[in-house]
Amino acid sequence: MVNSENYTFEEIPLVEAHELVMDYRVNPQEYVRALDGLSLNIWRGEFVAILGPEGSGKSTLIQLLGCLDRPTSGTIRIDNETVTDLPTNRLAGVRRDKMGFLFQTHHLVPTLVTIENVMLPLRYRNMSHREAEQLAGEWLVRVGLHDRMYHRPSELTGSEQQRAALARALVNDPLIIFCDEPTAELSMDAAQELIELMRGLNYEFGQTYVLATESEEIAAMCDRIVRIDAGKVTADTGLPIASSNDENPDPQTSEES
């Protein structure tokens, strides 16, 4: 598991998107362009908001970066691997091993209790049922659901359902958590509590969070805000510095010396 004390921003981004175009066919003669040559880099350990109005392309971007769909053109690299043209079974492996997902709707299985839902991603790992149950329980404790482990989703509040879904997204120890408007159905107080929880986990374990939202208030709680509209990046609060370069002194200092 990644620890925040050990990760640093690296020279090579964890996520690299270059000139992404995504067209959706309306009919044989017409298409809608959701992304229009969008490029974006995201570094390990960042907590990034993708901010834009409805129809701006932010959910499409999350789907493409999360290997849930393929772009019409452009390239995507995840953890220094080009994923754009990987076969379907390889893409499934990338999602399983490197990604967790949190959506607007929790997508918990209604017939399973909370801990069983969190255990679902562990089915493909070589561990016993007891080990999987212990690991799932640990994540439920971290998200504040120690007393809801054996409740069904219908017995949880909306906030608790999203926290259970967050535990499920994290249980497989992914590099990246892709969040598509996870607070849209929550009250502002509950939404802020969820983001604060995610920020704490980001700080403690060092995973990268990429969060699509329409909310200025939610975006303001993130380290970096990437604004998109009409399928393009329109503003970016800044990129992290990969490393300092002591070999190139400040020009003004050089002149003075």
Protein backbone atom coordinates (compact mmCIF):
# COMPACT_ATOMS: atom_id res chain seq x y z
CA MET A 1 0.00 0.00 0.00
CA VAL A 2 1.30 3.45 -0.97
CA ASN A 3 2.13 5.74 1.95
CA SER A 4 1.95 9.51 1.65
CA GLU A 5 5.34 9.91 3.32
CA ASN A 6 6.99 7.94 0.52
CA TYR A 7 5.39 9.32 -2.64
CA THR A 8 6.72 12.34 -4.51
CA PHE A 9 5.70 13.98 -7.74
CA GLU A 10 7.60 12.26 -10.51
CA GLU A 11 8.98 13.43 -13.81
CA ILE A 12 6.70 11.02 -15.69
CA PRO A 13 2.97 11.61 -15.04
CA LEU A 14 0.88 8.74 -13.72
CA VAL A 15 -1.85 9.61 -16.24
CA GLU A 16 -1.05 11.09 -19.65
CA ALA A 17 -3.80 12.04 -22.09
CA HIS A 18 -2.77 13.49 -25.45
CA GLU A 19 -5.09 15.08 -28.01
CA LEU A 20 -8.15 13.05 -27.00
CA VAL A 21 -11.10 13.18 -29.38
CA MET A 22 -14.35 11.38 -28.61
CA ASP A 23 -17.22 11.30 -31.09
CA TYR A 24 -20.61 9.73 -30.43
CA ARG A 25 -22.65 8.79 -33.48
CA VAL A 26 -26.21 10.13 -33.46
CA ASN A 27 -26.99 8.58 -36.85
CA PRO A 28 -24.91 7.49 -39.86
CA GLN A 29 -24.56 11.11 -41.02
CA GLU A 30 -24.25 12.93 -37.68
CA TYR A 31 -22.10 12.75 -34.57
CA VAL A 32 -21.61 14.68 -31.34
CA ARG A 33 -18.06 15.57 -30.30
CA ALA A 34 -17.69 15.12 -26.53
CA LEU A 35 -13.92 15.69 -26.36
CA ASP A 36 -12.11 17.91 -28.82
CA GLY A 37 -8.33 17.43 -28.73
CA LEU A 38 -8.04 17.42 -24.93
CA SER A 39 -4.61 16.90 -23.36
CA LEU A 40 -3.96 16.45 -19.65
CA ASN A 41 -1.28 15.09 -17.30
CA ILE A 42 -1.95 13.93 -13.74
CA TRP A 43 0.82 13.10 -11.28
CA ARG A 44 0.98 10.42 -8.61
CA GLY A 45 -0.61 11.50 -5.35
CA GLU A 46 -2.59 14.42 -6.76
CA PHE A 47 -6.20 15.19 -5.78
CA VAL A 48 -7.64 16.71 -8.95
CA ALA A 49 -11.07 18.13 -9.72
CA ILE A 50 -12.33 18.01 -13.31
CA LEU A 51 -14.79 20.90 -13.18
CA GLY A 52 -17.35 21.71 -15.84
CA PRO A 53 -21.04 22.16 -16.58
CA GLU A 54 -23.32 19.39 -17.77
CA GLY A 55 -22.32 18.32 -21.26
CA SER A 56 -18.78 19.68 -20.97
CA GLY A 57 -17.16 16.26 -21.46
CA LYS A 58 -15.97 15.61 -17.92
CA SER A 59 -17.76 12.26 -17.52
CA THR A 60 -16.52 11.17 -20.94
CA LEU A 61 -12.99 12.04 -19.84
CA ILE A 62 -13.36 9.94 -16.68
CA GLN A 63 -14.63 7.01 -18.76
CA LEU A 64 -11.68 7.22 -21.14
CA LEU A 65 -9.00 7.69 -18.48
CA GLY A 66 -10.60 4.81 -16.53
CA CYS A 67 -10.34 2.52 -19.58
CA LEU A 68 -14.12 2.10 -19.65
CA ASP A 69 -14.28 3.32 -23.25
CA ARG A 70 -11.88 4.04 -26.11
CA PRO A 71 -11.30 7.46 -27.70
CA THR A 72 -12.00 8.13 -31.34
CA SER A 73 -8.41 9.35 -31.56
CA GLY A 74 -5.59 10.36 -29.24
CA THR A 75 -3.49 8.40 -26.74
CA ILE A 76 -3.71 7.57 -23.05
CA ARG A 77 -0.88 6.29 -20.90
CA ILE A 78 -1.44 4.93 -17.40
CA ASP A 79 1.55 4.26 -15.15
CA ASN A 80 3.92 4.54 -18.15
CA GLU A 81 1.89 2.07 -20.26
CA THR A 82 -0.04 3.02 -23.40
CA VAL A 83 -3.56 1.67 -22.89
CA THR A 84 -5.37 3.16 -25.87
CA ASP A 85 -5.01 0.12 -28.11
CA LEU A 86 -4.83 -2.66 -25.54
CA PRO A 87 -7.17 -5.62 -26.14
CA THR A 88 -10.30 -5.77 -24.02
CA ASN A 89 -8.97 -8.43 -21.64
CA ARG A 90 -5.81 -6.39 -20.99
CA LEU A 91 -7.88 -3.29 -20.29
CA ALA A 92 -9.87 -5.25 -17.74
CA GLY A 93 -6.61 -6.18 -16.05
CA VAL A 94 -5.49 -2.53 -15.93
CA ARG A 95 -8.78 -1.54 -14.31
CA ARG A 96 -8.60 -4.42 -11.83
CA ASP A 97 -4.99 -3.86 -10.80
CA LYS A 98 -4.59 -0.08 -10.94
CA MET A 99 -7.99 1.61 -10.65
CA GLY A 100 -10.92 2.11 -8.34
CA PHE A 101 -14.20 3.79 -9.27
CA LEU A 102 -16.77 5.86 -7.44
CA PHE A 103 -19.86 6.99 -9.33
CA GLN A 104 -22.85 9.26 -8.74
CA THR A 105 -24.86 6.14 -7.84
CA HIS A 106 -23.28 3.71 -5.41
CA HIS A 107 -23.98 0.54 -7.45
CA LEU A 108 -23.96 -1.64 -4.34
CA VAL A 109 -25.52 -5.08 -4.80
CA PRO A 110 -28.83 -4.84 -2.92
CA THR A 111 -28.88 -8.48 -1.79
CA LEU A 112 -25.42 -8.33 -0.21
CA VAL A 113 -24.53 -6.77 3.13
CA THR A 114 -21.98 -3.95 3.19
CA ILE A 115 -18.89 -6.04 3.89
CA GLU A 116 -19.83 -8.51 1.14
CA ASN A 117 -20.12 -5.62 -1.32
CA VAL A 118 -16.67 -4.36 -0.36
CA MET A 119 -15.24 -7.86 -0.75
CA LEU A 120 -16.38 -8.16 -4.38
CA PRO A 121 -13.19 -6.75 -6.02
CA LEU A 122 -11.10 -9.25 -4.03
CA ARG A 123 -12.62 -12.27 -5.76
CA TYR A 124 -9.81 -12.21 -8.32
CA ARG A 125 -7.01 -12.01 -5.79
CA ASN A 126 -5.31 -15.04 -4.34
CA MET A 127 -6.59 -14.75 -0.77
CA SER A 128 -8.86 -16.74 1.47
CA HIS A 129 -12.39 -15.67 2.34
CA ARG A 130 -11.23 -14.84 5.87
CA GLU A 131 -8.39 -12.63 4.58
CA ALA A 132 -10.76 -10.85 2.18
CA GLU A 133 -13.30 -10.29 4.93
CA GLN A 134 -10.62 -8.87 7.23
CA LEU A 135 -9.31 -6.49 4.57
CA ALA A 136 -12.81 -5.32 3.65
CA GLY A 137 -13.56 -4.77 7.32
CA GLU A 138 -10.44 -2.65 7.75
CA TRP A 139 -11.52 -0.35 4.93
CA LEU A 140 -15.02 -0.07 6.31
CA VAL A 141 -13.54 1.03 9.63
CA ARG A 142 -11.46 3.67 7.80
CA VAL A 143 -14.56 5.14 6.13
CA GLY A 144 -16.50 5.15 9.40
CA LEU A 145 -18.82 2.20 8.78
CA HIS A 146 -17.60 -0.17 11.49
CA ASP A 147 -21.18 -0.45 12.77
CA ARG A 148 -22.77 -0.92 9.33
CA MET A 149 -20.80 -3.90 8.04
CA TYR A 150 -23.74 -6.29 8.10
CA HIS A 151 -26.44 -3.90 6.89
CA ARG A 152 -27.87 -4.10 3.38
CA PRO A 153 -27.60 -1.02 1.12
CA SER A 154 -31.28 -0.18 1.65
CA GLU A 155 -30.56 0.16 5.37
CA LEU A 156 -27.85 2.79 4.81
CA THR A 157 -28.18 6.52 4.31
CA GLY A 158 -27.06 8.03 1.00
CA SER A 159 -23.84 9.21 2.61
CA GLU A 160 -23.17 5.76 4.08
CA GLN A 161 -23.84 4.13 0.71
CA GLN A 162 -21.21 6.33 -0.94
CA ARG A 163 -18.71 5.62 1.82
CA ALA A 164 -19.29 1.90 1.36
CA ALA A 165 -18.73 2.35 -2.38
CA LEU A 166 -15.52 4.27 -1.57
CA ALA A 167 -14.29 1.38 0.60
CA ARG A 168 -15.02 -1.00 -2.27
CA ALA A 169 -13.05 1.25 -4.65
CA LEU A 170 -10.04 1.26 -2.31
CA VAL A 171 -10.00 -2.33 -1.07
CA ASN A 172 -7.90 -3.57 -4.00
CA ASP A 173 -5.17 -0.96 -3.29
CA PRO A 174 -5.42 0.88 -6.64
CA LEU A 175 -3.09 3.59 -7.89
CA ILE A 176 -5.93 5.84 -9.03
CA ILE A 177 -9.49 6.49 -7.88
CA PHE A 178 -11.74 7.86 -10.64
CA CYS A 179 -14.80 9.61 -9.24
CA ASP A 180 -17.66 10.66 -11.53
CA GLU A 181 -19.77 13.20 -9.62
CA PRO A 182 -19.81 11.14 -6.41
CA THR A 183 -21.44 13.94 -4.40
CA ALA A 184 -24.21 14.88 -6.86
CA GLU A 185 -26.97 13.11 -4.90
CA LEU A 186 -25.77 14.19 -1.44
CA SER A 187 -26.55 17.28 0.60
CA MET A 188 -23.75 19.84 0.65
CA ASP A 189 -22.85 18.91 4.25
CA ALA A 190 -22.69 15.20 3.39
CA ALA A 191 -20.80 15.98 0.17
CA GLN A 192 -18.17 17.98 2.01
CA GLU A 193 -17.80 15.23 4.61
CA LEU A 194 -17.22 12.68 1.84
CA ILE A 195 -14.55 14.85 0.18
CA GLU A 196 -12.86 15.48 3.53
CA LEU A 197 -12.78 11.71 4.11
CA MET A 198 -11.27 11.15 0.67
CA ARG A 199 -8.71 13.91 1.27
CA GLY A 200 -7.65 12.25 4.52
CA LEU A 201 -7.25 8.88 2.80
CA ASN A 202 -5.33 10.53 -0.03
CA TYR A 203 -2.93 12.03 2.50
CA GLU A 204 -2.55 8.78 4.46
CA PHE A 205 -2.21 6.28 1.61
CA GLY A 206 -1.07 8.40 -1.34
CA GLN A 207 -3.48 7.22 -4.04
CA THR A 208 -4.31 9.61 -6.85
CA TYR A 209 -7.86 10.97 -7.01
CA VAL A 210 -9.50 12.32 -10.17
CA LEU A 211 -12.94 13.74 -9.42
CA ALA A 212 -15.47 15.06 -11.95
CA THR A 213 -17.89 17.63 -10.57
CA GLU A 214 -20.15 20.53 -11.50
CA SER A 215 -19.79 22.06 -8.03
CA GLU A 216 -17.45 25.00 -7.49
CA GLU A 217 -17.59 24.32 -3.74
CA ILE A 218 -16.50 20.69 -4.13
CA ALA A 219 -13.78 21.60 -6.63
CA ALA A 220 -12.40 24.19 -4.20
CA MET A 221 -11.69 21.37 -1.72
CA CYS A 222 -9.28 19.73 -4.19
CA ASP A 223 -5.57 20.51 -4.68
CA ARG A 224 -5.91 21.25 -8.37
CA ILE A 225 -8.83 22.31 -10.56
CA VAL A 226 -8.93 21.51 -14.27
CA ARG A 227 -11.81 23.32 -15.94
CA ILE A 228 -13.22 21.87 -19.14
CA ASP A 229 -15.93 23.06 -21.50
CA ALA A 230 -17.00 21.88 -24.92
CA GLY A 231 -14.52 19.01 -24.63
CA LYS A 232 -11.45 21.19 -24.06
CA VAL A 233 -9.38 22.27 -21.07
CA THR A 234 -10.14 25.96 -20.52
CA ALA A 235 -8.16 26.52 -17.31
CA ASP A 236 -5.84 24.64 -14.96
CA THR A 237 -4.78 25.87 -11.53
CA GLY A 238 -1.34 24.46 -12.15
CA LEU A 239 0.86 21.44 -12.47
CA PRO A 240 3.07 20.08 -9.69
CA ILE A 241 6.80 20.64 -10.03
CA ALA A 242 8.44 17.32 -10.89
CA SER A 243 11.81 18.17 -9.40
CA SER A 244 14.01 21.13 -8.61
CA ASN A 245 16.96 21.84 -10.86
CA ASP A 246 19.87 23.19 -8.88
CA GLU A 247 22.13 23.03 -11.93
CA ASN A 248 20.31 25.99 -13.52
CA PRO A 249 20.69 28.95 -11.13
CA ASP A 250 18.36 31.92 -11.24
CA PRO A 251 19.43 34.19 -14.14
CA GLN A 252 19.27 37.33 -11.99
CA THR A 253 21.44 35.70 -9.33
CA SER A 254 23.96 34.68 -11.97
CA GLU A 255 24.19 38.19 -13.32
CA GLU A 256 24.71 39.64 -9.86
CA SER A 257 27.51 37.20 -9.13
